[in-house]
C-alpha atoms as a PDB file:
ATOM      1  CA  MET A   1    -244.453 -43.157 -59.079  1.00  0.00           C
ATOM      2  CA  ASN A   2    -243.368 -40.113 -57.086  1.00  0.00           C
ATOM      3  CA  ARG A   3    -244.632 -38.859 -53.729  1.00  0.00           C
ATOM      4  CA  GLN A   4    -247.543 -36.812 -55.053  1.00  0.00           C
ATOM      5  CA  GLU A   5    -248.690 -39.509 -57.448  1.00  0.00           C
ATOM      6  CA  TYR A   6    -248.568 -42.158 -54.729  1.00  0.00           C
ATOM      7  CA  LEU A   7    -250.516 -40.062 -52.224  1.00  0.00           C
ATOM      8  CA  THR A   8    -253.082 -39.036 -54.857  1.00  0.00           C
ATOM      9  CA  THR A   9    -253.591 -42.669 -55.860  1.00  0.00           C
ATOM     10  CA  LEU A  10    -253.842 -43.700 -52.209  1.00  0.00           C
ATOM     11  CA  GLU A  11    -256.395 -40.965 -51.508  1.00  0.00           C
ATOM     12  CA  LYS A  12    -258.562 -42.131 -54.414  1.00  0.00           C
ATOM     13  CA  ALA A  13    -258.241 -45.782 -53.378  1.00  0.00           C
ATOM     14  CA  LEU A  14    -259.234 -44.990 -49.788  1.00  0.00           C
ATOM     15  CA  LYS A  15    -262.203 -42.932 -50.990  1.00  0.00           C
ATOM     16  CA  ASP A  16    -263.363 -45.682 -53.348  1.00  0.00           C
ATOM     17  CA  ALA A  17    -263.062 -48.237 -50.533  1.00  0.00           C
ATOM     18  CA  GLY A  18    -265.081 -46.031 -48.185  1.00  0.00           C
ATOM     19  CA  VAL A  19    -262.378 -45.858 -45.504  1.00  0.00           C
ATOM     20  CA  GLN A  20    -263.431 -43.418 -42.783  1.00  0.00           C
ATOM     21  CA  GLU A  21    -260.057 -42.166 -41.473  1.00  0.00           C
ATOM     22  CA  SER A  22    -258.549 -41.450 -44.899  1.00  0.00           C
ATOM     23  CA  ALA A  23    -257.133 -38.009 -43.941  1.00  0.00           C
ATOM     24  CA  GLU A  24    -255.167 -39.431 -40.991  1.00  0.00           C
ATOM     25  CA  ILE A  25    -253.862 -42.308 -43.115  1.00  0.00           C
ATOM     26  CA  LEU A  26    -252.716 -39.927 -45.856  1.00  0.00           C
ATOM     27  CA  GLU A  27    -250.966 -37.752 -43.293  1.00  0.00           C
ATOM     28  CA  GLU A  28    -249.107 -40.763 -41.889  1.00  0.00           C
ATOM     29  CA  TYR A  29    -247.895 -41.900 -45.316  1.00  0.00           C
ATOM     30  CA  ALA A  30    -246.914 -38.335 -46.269  1.00  0.00           C
ATOM     31  CA  GLU A  31    -244.842 -38.156 -43.077  1.00  0.00           C
ATOM     32  CA  HIS A  32    -243.284 -41.505 -43.975  1.00  0.00           C
ATOM     33  CA  PHE A  33    -242.164 -40.052 -47.328  1.00  0.00           C
ATOM     34  CA  ASP A  34    -240.678 -37.010 -45.561  1.00  0.00           C
ATOM     35  CA  MET A  35    -238.745 -39.078 -43.033  1.00  0.00           C
ATOM     36  CA  LYS A  36    -237.359 -41.471 -45.634  1.00  0.00           C
ATOM     37  CA  ALA A  37    -236.368 -38.537 -47.858  1.00  0.00           C
ATOM     38  CA  VAL A  38    -234.282 -37.155 -44.996  1.00  0.00           C
ATOM     39  CA  ASP A  39    -232.501 -40.535 -44.842  1.00  0.00           C
ATOM     40  CA  GLY A  40    -231.511 -40.121 -48.499  1.00  0.00           C
ATOM     41  CA  TYR A  41    -234.132 -42.229 -50.283  1.00  0.00           C
ATOM     42  CA  GLY A  42    -235.673 -40.988 -53.528  1.00  0.00           C
ATOM     43  CA  GLU A  43    -239.438 -40.605 -53.875  1.00  0.00           C
ATOM     44  CA  GLU A  44    -239.721 -43.420 -56.426  1.00  0.00           C
ATOM     45  CA  GLU A  45    -237.673 -45.746 -54.220  1.00  0.00           C
ATOM     46  CA  ILE A  46    -239.866 -44.991 -51.213  1.00  0.00           C
ATOM     47  CA  ALA A  47    -243.028 -45.609 -53.244  1.00  0.00           C
ATOM     48  CA  VAL A  48    -241.698 -48.972 -54.472  1.00  0.00           C
ATOM     49  CA  ARG A  49    -240.936 -50.081 -50.897  1.00  0.00           C
ATOM     50  CA  LEU A  50    -244.502 -49.321 -49.809  1.00  0.00           C
ATOM     51  CA  ALA A  51    -247.464 -51.534 -50.574  1.00  0.00           C
ATOM     52  CA  PRO A  52    -249.631 -50.616 -53.599  1.00  0.00           C
ATOM     53  CA  PRO A  53    -252.266 -47.983 -52.669  1.00  0.00           C
ATOM     54  CA  GLU A  54    -255.115 -50.320 -53.643  1.00  0.00           C
ATOM     55  CA  ASP A  55    -253.839 -53.010 -51.268  1.00  0.00           C
ATOM     56  CA  ILE A  56    -253.476 -50.488 -48.440  1.00  0.00           C
ATOM     57  CA  ALA A  57    -257.043 -49.243 -48.975  1.00  0.00           C
ATOM     58  CA  GLY A  58    -258.339 -52.819 -48.972  1.00  0.00           C
ATOM     59  CA  GLN A  59    -256.479 -53.634 -45.782  1.00  0.00           C
ATOM     60  CA  PHE A  60    -257.833 -50.610 -43.949  1.00  0.00           C
ATOM     61  CA  LYS A  61    -261.353 -51.346 -45.168  1.00  0.00           C
ATOM     62  CA  GLU A  62    -261.043 -54.900 -43.873  1.00  0.00           C
ATOM     63  CA  MET A  63    -259.708 -53.564 -40.568  1.00  0.00           C
ATOM     64  CA  GLU A  64    -262.761 -51.313 -40.222  1.00  0.00           C
ATOM     65  CA  ARG A  65    -265.039 -54.281 -40.869  1.00  0.00           C
ATOM     66  CA  ARG A  66    -263.277 -56.305 -38.172  1.00  0.00           C
ATOM     67  CA  ASP A  67    -263.429 -53.419 -35.731  1.00  0.00           C
ATOM     68  CA  SER A  68    -267.139 -52.985 -36.355  1.00  0.00           C
ATOM     69  CA  ARG A  69    -267.736 -56.526 -35.117  1.00  0.00           C
ATOM     70  CA  SER A  70    -267.066 -57.602 -31.560  1.00  0.00           C
ATOM     71  CA  ALA A  71    -263.415 -58.500 -31.531  1.00  0.00           C
ATOM     72  CA  GLY A  72    -263.228 -61.027 -28.745  1.00  0.00           C
ATOM     73  CA  GLY A  73    -260.946 -63.991 -28.355  1.00  0.00           C
ATOM     74  CA  ALA A  74    -258.117 -65.021 -26.084  1.00  0.00           C
ATOM     75  CA  ALA A  75    -255.472 -63.605 -28.442  1.00  0.00           C
ATOM     76  CA  LYS A  76    -257.006 -60.143 -28.277  1.00  0.00           C
ATOM     77  CA  VAL A  77    -257.165 -60.304 -24.489  1.00  0.00           C
ATOM     78  CA  VAL A  78    -253.525 -61.390 -24.236  1.00  0.00           C
ATOM     79  CA  LEU A  79    -252.399 -58.601 -26.584  1.00  0.00           C
ATOM     80  CA  THR A  80    -254.344 -56.026 -24.616  1.00  0.00           C
ATOM     81  CA  ILE A  81    -252.897 -57.179 -21.297  1.00  0.00           C
ATOM     82  CA  GLY A  82    -249.403 -57.231 -22.777  1.00  0.00           C
ATOM     83  CA  CYS A  83    -249.760 -53.677 -24.089  1.00  0.00           C
ATOM     84  CA  VAL A  84    -251.079 -52.465 -20.732  1.00  0.00           C
ATOM     85  CA  LEU A  85    -248.105 -54.020 -18.938  1.00  0.00           C
ATOM     86  CA  ALA A  86    -245.764 -52.454 -21.484  1.00  0.00           C
ATOM     87  CA  ASP A  87    -247.396 -49.080 -20.885  1.00  0.00           C
ATOM     88  CA  ILE A  88    -246.900 -49.407 -17.142  1.00  0.00           C
ATOM     89  CA  ALA A  89    -243.235 -50.297 -17.632  1.00  0.00           C
ATOM     90  CA  ILE A  90    -242.457 -47.620 -20.246  1.00  0.00           C
ATOM     91  CA  ALA A  91    -244.318 -44.675 -18.672  1.00  0.00           C
ATOM     92  CA  PRO A  92    -241.684 -44.022 -15.932  1.00  0.00           C
ATOM     93  CA  LEU A  93    -238.946 -44.065 -18.574  1.00  0.00           C
ATOM     94  CA  PHE A  94    -240.609 -41.325 -20.608  1.00  0.00           C
ATOM     95  CA  LEU A  95    -241.258 -39.312 -17.445  1.00  0.00           C
ATOM     96  CA  VAL A  96    -237.561 -39.502 -16.552  1.00  0.00           C
ATOM     97  CA  LEU A  97    -236.525 -38.555 -20.087  1.00  0.00           C
ATOM     98  CA  TYR A  98    -238.827 -35.534 -20.171  1.00  0.00           C
ATOM     99  CA  ALA A  99    -237.601 -34.536 -16.699  1.00  0.00           C
ATOM    100  CA  TRP A 100    -234.038 -34.773 -18.028  1.00  0.00           C
ATOM    101  CA  ALA A 101    -234.917 -32.405 -20.891  1.00  0.00           C
ATOM    102  CA  LEU A 102    -236.647 -30.088 -18.416  1.00  0.00           C
ATOM    103  CA  VAL A 103    -233.464 -29.894 -16.314  1.00  0.00           C
ATOM    104  CA  PHE A 104    -231.519 -28.630 -19.328  1.00  0.00           C
ATOM    105  CA  GLY A 105    -234.277 -26.127 -20.057  1.00  0.00           C
ATOM    106  CA  VAL A 106    -234.143 -24.765 -16.516  1.00  0.00           C
ATOM    107  CA  PHE A 107    -230.345 -24.667 -16.708  1.00  0.00           C
ATOM    108  CA  SER A 108    -230.586 -22.606 -19.908  1.00  0.00           C
ATOM    109  CA  ILE A 109    -232.911 -20.088 -18.250  1.00  0.00           C
ATOM    110  CA  ALA A 110    -230.676 -19.934 -15.168  1.00  0.00           C
ATOM    111  CA  CYS A 111    -227.601 -19.197 -17.291  1.00  0.00           C
ATOM    112  CA  ALA A 112    -229.400 -16.407 -19.157  1.00  0.00           C
ATOM    113  CA  CYS A 113    -230.628 -14.860 -15.894  1.00  0.00           C
ATOM    114  CA  ALA A 114    -227.204 -15.123 -14.263  1.00  0.00           C
ATOM    115  CA  GLY A 115    -225.539 -13.533 -17.283  1.00  0.00           C
ATOM    116  CA  THR A 116    -228.007 -10.635 -17.219  1.00  0.00           C
ATOM    117  CA  LEU A 117    -227.509 -10.017 -13.493  1.00  0.00           C
ATOM    118  CA  ILE A 118    -223.722 -10.178 -13.706  1.00  0.00           C
ATOM    119  CA  ILE A 119    -223.551  -7.727 -16.608  1.00  0.00           C
ATOM    120  CA  ALA A 120    -226.045  -5.427 -14.851  1.00  0.00           C
ATOM    121  CA  GLY A 121    -223.735  -5.345 -11.845  1.00  0.00           C
ATOM    122  CA  PHE A 122    -226.005  -6.975  -9.266  1.00  0.00           C
ATOM    123  CA  ASP A 123    -224.092  -8.661  -6.469  1.00  0.00           C
ATOM    124  CA  ASN A 124    -226.878  -9.356  -3.958  1.00  0.00           C
ATOM    125  CA  ILE A 125    -230.375 -10.579  -4.769  1.00  0.00           C
ATOM    126  CA  ALA A 126    -233.208 -11.231  -2.335  1.00  0.00           C
ATOM    127  CA  LEU A 127    -236.006 -13.388  -3.701  1.00  0.00           C
ATOM    128  CA  TYR A 128    -238.807 -14.791  -1.529  1.00  0.00           C
ATOM    129  CA  GLY A 129    -236.620 -14.478   1.537  1.00  0.00           C
ATOM    130  CA  LEU A 130    -233.664 -16.185  -0.159  1.00  0.00           C
ATOM    131  CA  SER A 131    -230.521 -14.087  -0.428  1.00  0.00           C
ATOM    132  CA  VAL A 132    -228.160 -14.874  -3.292  1.00  0.00           C
ATOM    133  CA  HIS A 133    -224.662 -13.383  -3.364  1.00  0.00           C
ATOM    134  CA  LEU A 134    -223.037 -13.075  -6.778  1.00  0.00           C
ATOM    135  CA  PRO A 135    -219.240 -12.833  -7.008  1.00  0.00           C
ATOM    136  CA  THR A 136    -217.695  -9.394  -7.306  1.00  0.00           C
ATOM    137  CA  LEU A 137    -215.982  -8.822 -10.651  1.00  0.00           C
ATOM    138  CA  PRO A 138    -214.331  -5.997 -12.551  1.00  0.00           C
ATOM    139  CA  TYR A 139    -216.883  -4.723 -15.067  1.00  0.00           C
ATOM    140  CA  ILE A 140    -214.970  -5.872 -18.169  1.00  0.00           C
ATOM    141  CA  SER A 141    -214.625  -9.375 -16.712  1.00  0.00           C
ATOM    142  CA  ALA A 142    -218.319  -9.349 -15.773  1.00  0.00           C
ATOM    143  CA  VAL A 143    -219.242  -8.521 -19.360  1.00  0.00           C
ATOM    144  CA  PHE A 144    -217.144 -11.380 -20.718  1.00  0.00           C
ATOM    145  CA  LEU A 145    -218.527 -13.805 -18.146  1.00  0.00           C
ATOM    146  CA  GLY A 146    -222.079 -12.658 -18.840  1.00  0.00           C
ATOM    147  CA  ILE A 147    -221.680 -13.148 -22.595  1.00  0.00           C
ATOM    148  CA  SER A 148    -220.226 -16.612 -22.036  1.00  0.00           C
ATOM    149  CA  LEU A 149    -223.244 -17.470 -19.887  1.00  0.00           C
ATOM    150  CA  PHE A 150    -225.583 -16.247 -22.640  1.00  0.00           C
ATOM    151  CA  ALA A 151    -223.766 -18.475 -25.126  1.00  0.00           C
ATOM    152  CA  LEU A 152    -224.012 -21.407 -22.725  1.00  0.00           C
ATOM    153  CA  ALA A 153    -227.737 -20.696 -22.333  1.00  0.00           C
ATOM    154  CA  VAL A 154    -228.235 -20.851 -26.110  1.00  0.00           C
ATOM    155  CA  LEU A 155    -226.220 -24.070 -26.366  1.00  0.00           C
ATOM    156  CA  SER A 156    -228.257 -25.635 -23.556  1.00  0.00           C
ATOM    157  CA  ALA A 157    -231.505 -24.449 -25.173  1.00  0.00           C
ATOM    158  CA  VAL A 158    -230.580 -26.115 -28.475  1.00  0.00           C
ATOM    159  CA  TRP A 159    -229.738 -29.331 -26.637  1.00  0.00           C
ATOM    160  CA  THR A 160    -233.042 -29.108 -24.751  1.00  0.00           C
ATOM    161  CA  GLU A 161    -234.981 -28.792 -28.005  1.00  0.00           C
ATOM    162  CA  PHE A 162    -233.100 -31.727 -29.532  1.00  0.00           C
ATOM    163  CA  CYS A 163    -233.845 -33.860 -26.461  1.00  0.00           C
ATOM    164  CA  ARG A 164    -237.517 -32.865 -26.638  1.00  0.00           C
ATOM    165  CA  LEU A 165    -237.732 -33.770 -30.318  1.00  0.00           C
ATOM    166  CA  TYR A 166    -235.940 -37.079 -29.785  1.00  0.00           C
ATOM    167  CA  ILE A 167    -238.049 -38.111 -26.775  1.00  0.00           C
ATOM    168  CA  THR A 168    -241.284 -37.060 -28.488  1.00  0.00           C
ATOM    169  CA  GLN A 169    -240.343 -39.097 -31.561  1.00  0.00           C
ATOM    170  CA  MET A 170    -239.626 -42.111 -29.352  1.00  0.00           C
ATOM    171  CA  LEU A 171    -243.057 -41.651 -27.788  1.00  0.00           C
ATOM    172  CA  LYS A 172    -244.690 -41.444 -31.232  1.00  0.00           C
ATOM    173  CA  ALA A 173    -242.848 -44.566 -32.370  1.00  0.00           C
ATOM    174  CA  TYR A 174    -244.008 -46.421 -29.274  1.00  0.00           C
ATOM    175  CA  ALA A 175    -247.585 -45.218 -29.807  1.00  0.00           C
ATOM    176  CA  ARG A 176    -247.440 -46.436 -33.423  1.00  0.00           C
ATOM    177  CA  TRP A 177    -246.206 -49.847 -32.271  1.00  0.00           C
ATOM    178  CA  HIS A 178    -248.976 -49.871 -29.679  1.00  0.00           C
ATOM    179  CA  THR A 179    -251.617 -49.069 -32.308  1.00  0.00           C
ATOM    180  CA  ASN A 180    -250.310 -51.632 -34.781  1.00  0.00           C
ATOM    181  CA  THR A 181    -250.118 -54.319 -32.105  1.00  0.00           C
ATOM    182  CA  LEU A 182    -253.695 -53.859 -30.976  1.00  0.00           C
ATOM    183  CA  GLY A 183    -254.994 -53.370 -34.509  1.00  0.00           C
ATOM    184  CA  SER A 184    -255.286 -55.781 -37.390  1.00  0.00           C
ATOM    185  CA  SER A 185    -252.194 -57.833 -38.096  1.00  0.00           C
ATOM    186  CA  ASP A 186    -252.778 -57.313 -41.813  1.00  0.00           C
ATOM    187  CA  SER A 187    -253.468 -53.563 -41.804  1.00  0.00           C
ATOM    188  CA  ILE A 188    -250.770 -51.547 -40.106  1.00  0.00           C
ATOM    189  CA  LEU A 189    -249.353 -48.083 -40.568  1.00  0.00           C
ATOM    190  CA  PRO A 190    -245.661 -47.740 -41.434  1.00  0.00           C
ATOM    191  CA  PRO A 191    -243.481 -47.994 -38.310  1.00  0.00           C
ATOM    192  CA  LEU A 192    -241.950 -44.727 -37.190  1.00  0.00           C
ATOM    193  CA  PRO A 193    -238.194 -44.355 -36.739  1.00  0.00           C
ATOM    194  CA  LEU A 194    -236.727 -43.406 -33.370  1.00  0.00           C
ATOM    195  CA  TYR A 195    -234.753 -40.517 -34.830  1.00  0.00           C
ATOM    196  CA  PRO A 196    -236.900 -37.368 -35.109  1.00  0.00           C
ATOM    197  CA  TRP A 197    -237.720 -35.870 -38.468  1.00  0.00           C
ATOM    198  CA  VAL A 198    -236.701 -32.206 -38.564  1.00  0.00           C
ATOM    199  CA  SER A 199    -237.043 -29.907 -41.543  1.00  0.00           C
ATOM    200  CA  ALA A 200    -233.834 -28.961 -43.325  1.00  0.00           C
ATOM    201  CA  LYS A 201    -234.256 -25.300 -42.328  1.00  0.00           C
ATOM    202  CA  LYS A 202    -234.708 -26.092 -38.648  1.00  0.00           C
ATOM    203  CA  ARG A 203    -231.738 -28.490 -38.697  1.00  0.00           C
ATOM    204  CA  ARG A 204    -229.540 -25.763 -40.169  1.00  0.00           C
ATOM    205  CA  ILE A 205    -230.717 -23.238 -37.590  1.00  0.00           C
ATOM    206  CA  MET A 206    -230.148 -25.614 -34.664  1.00  0.00           C
ATOM    207  CA  ARG A 207    -226.745 -26.694 -35.961  1.00  0.00           C
ATOM    208  CA  THR A 208    -225.645 -23.100 -36.555  1.00  0.00           C
ATOM    209  CA  LEU A 209    -226.832 -21.947 -33.133  1.00  0.00           C
ATOM    210  CA  ALA A 210    -225.081 -24.855 -31.431  1.00  0.00           C
ATOM    211  CA  LEU A 211    -221.760 -24.324 -33.228  1.00  0.00           C
ATOM    212  CA  VAL A 212    -221.750 -20.534 -32.870  1.00  0.00           C
ATOM    213  CA  SER A 213    -222.738 -20.618 -29.196  1.00  0.00           C
ATOM    214  CA  LEU A 214    -220.102 -23.267 -28.450  1.00  0.00           C
ATOM    215  CA  VAL A 215    -217.349 -21.259 -30.143  1.00  0.00           C
ATOM    216  CA  VAL A 216    -218.477 -18.009 -28.506  1.00  0.00           C
ATOM    217  CA  PHE A 217    -218.639 -19.647 -25.084  1.00  0.00           C
ATOM    218  CA  ALA A 218    -215.167 -21.153 -25.402  1.00  0.00           C
ATOM    219  CA  ILE A 219    -213.491 -17.988 -26.696  1.00  0.00           C
ATOM    220  CA  VAL A 220    -215.258 -15.464 -24.474  1.00  0.00           C
ATOM    221  CA  PHE A 221    -214.842 -17.589 -21.357  1.00  0.00           C
ATOM    222  CA  VAL A 222    -211.097 -17.894 -21.951  1.00  0.00           C
ATOM    223  CA  VAL A 223    -210.783 -14.155 -22.640  1.00  0.00           C
ATOM    224  CA  GLY A 224    -212.903 -13.381 -19.573  1.00  0.00           C
ATOM    225  CA  PHE A 225    -210.797 -15.590 -17.350  1.00  0.00           C
ATOM    226  CA  ALA A 226    -207.644 -13.971 -18.718  1.00  0.00           C
ATOM    227  CA  SER A 227    -209.045 -10.520 -17.888  1.00  0.00           C
ATOM    228  CA  MET A 228    -209.799 -11.715 -14.352  1.00  0.00           C
ATOM    229  CA  VAL A 229    -206.246 -13.005 -13.928  1.00  0.00           C
ATOM    230  CA  ILE A 230    -204.825  -9.707 -15.187  1.00  0.00           C
ATOM    231  CA  ALA A 231    -207.121  -7.631 -12.962  1.00  0.00           C
ATOM    232  CA  ALA A 232    -206.380  -9.717  -9.848  1.00  0.00           C
ATOM    233  CA  ARG A 233    -202.736 -10.334 -10.769  1.00  0.00           C
ATOM    234  CA  SER A 234    -203.229 -13.927  -9.763  1.00  0.00           C
ATOM    235  CA  VAL A 235    -204.150 -17.157 -11.510  1.00  0.00           C
ATOM    236  CA  GLN A 236    -206.662 -17.705  -8.721  1.00  0.00           C
ATOM    237  CA  PRO A 237    -208.636 -14.447  -8.748  1.00  0.00           C
ATOM    238  CA  TRP A 238    -211.452 -15.907  -6.667  1.00  0.00           C
ATOM    239  CA  HIS A 239    -209.108 -16.036  -3.686  1.00  0.00           C
ATOM    240  CA  VAL A 240    -207.983 -12.452  -4.203  1.00  0.00           C
ATOM    241  CA  TRP A 241    -211.590 -11.211  -4.331  1.00  0.00           C
ATOM    242  CA  GLY A 242    -212.725 -13.451  -1.466  1.00  0.00           C
ATOM    243  CA  TRP A 243    -215.529 -15.264  -3.268  1.00  0.00           C
ATOM    244  CA  PHE A 244    -215.601 -18.154  -0.801  1.00  0.00           C
ATOM    245  CA  GLU A 245    -215.148 -16.245   2.436  1.00  0.00           C
END
């Protein structure tokens, strides 16, 4: 049974069982196929590892019946309290991780802005009463340095997007665990991996951008520094041009 056959059979089984949230369930299992395919599993192998569609439909129907009744009991209370405590403990971690990704995003924007200003020849900028002095450079060196900053901005942007995808996937995996823990012990959705699923096209684009920007940054920065040394006739051109005075 391949992916399409499995999902079609599951859709029919859910419909026959009268399961209300069939569209969401189908979407989750379709995503499970996609993620496992990225890991190198064949469609038939993935289908064999999953429970039969009829069993899944029966489990979700039973879960809906249990949810429709008052689900009391000490075990339910303990699970709920445990999940709440876990949420309180894990929330600061995700906030820190997203803040970390945000720092790289801001750094990427700052590099792009700095590269633009240096190439444009600005050396003094006044913004909201804050005066920023950019180092004086020969124009050819400024162009090289600006291009290297653009490349660094692209590299940082790719890293920011990867961090965002990774953290978001971790959050989804935690939410899935949370849902499965508070739900029926017999009817659970497939656990989500921590590694994010990214389409093959997007992976190629991100990998290409990262490699090209890294190579461009390294080469152009070295060439730019060499042009600065030649122009200043010193291996420490910043002293010759008085950057720190």
